[in-house]
Amino acid sequence: MFAIDLADDAQLFPLEVWHAEEFLAHMDRGREFIGRYIGFPDRATDLDSARKLLGSNAEKAAADGARLYGIRVDGTLVGGVLFPSFDAAGGNAEVGCWLEPAAAGRGLVTKACRILVDWAIGERGIHRVEWHVATGNTKSIAVAERLGFTREGVMRQNYLHHGVRQDTEMWALLADEWAAARKA
């Protein structure tokens, strides 16, 4: 299987339909924590819905769109990173992440997102990478900051999540900024 090492015990790999049982078990372990800000746990509540979620993302990846990657620690799926949107022709993409509490604080998401941004800009010619994050999600905001994204503004009450309208911060990184940061 294709995987990229993030640490001695952690790997980044393409998350595919055949991982549905593993993905569901991961969502079940981290459902409350992960679901505070993102909808994956609401969309993967049983094996069929987990397969549909992963299948939908596989179809998008096959059409050169959204992509989904898992992060394993000691062989267990504990989180992931993704391109919720990927428009190579337009030169724009969005990157995002999620993680179980047990794997937090190790820098795995930052390393994995760095790999995705490197690939998107370096290999695919993406010009602008965005990071959309709920204003209360301070850990995700910290990842955007570590990667060199710039906070561009707040979309007020644009995201309805669990019956509550949330503000979403918009962060972005341009290709020339990424290149300059990588040289430093």
Foldseek 3Di string as FASTA:
>chain_A
DDWDDPDPFKTKFFDALVCLVLVLVLCVQAVVVQQPWDCPNVQNNDSVSSSVVRVVQVVQVVVVWKTWMFMDGNRHTFKTKIFPTDDLVVLETEIDITGGPVPPPPCSVLSRVLVVVCCSCVPSVRFKYKYKGFPVPVSRVVSCVVQPWAFDAKDFQPDQGPNGRTIIIITMDGSVNNVVVVVD
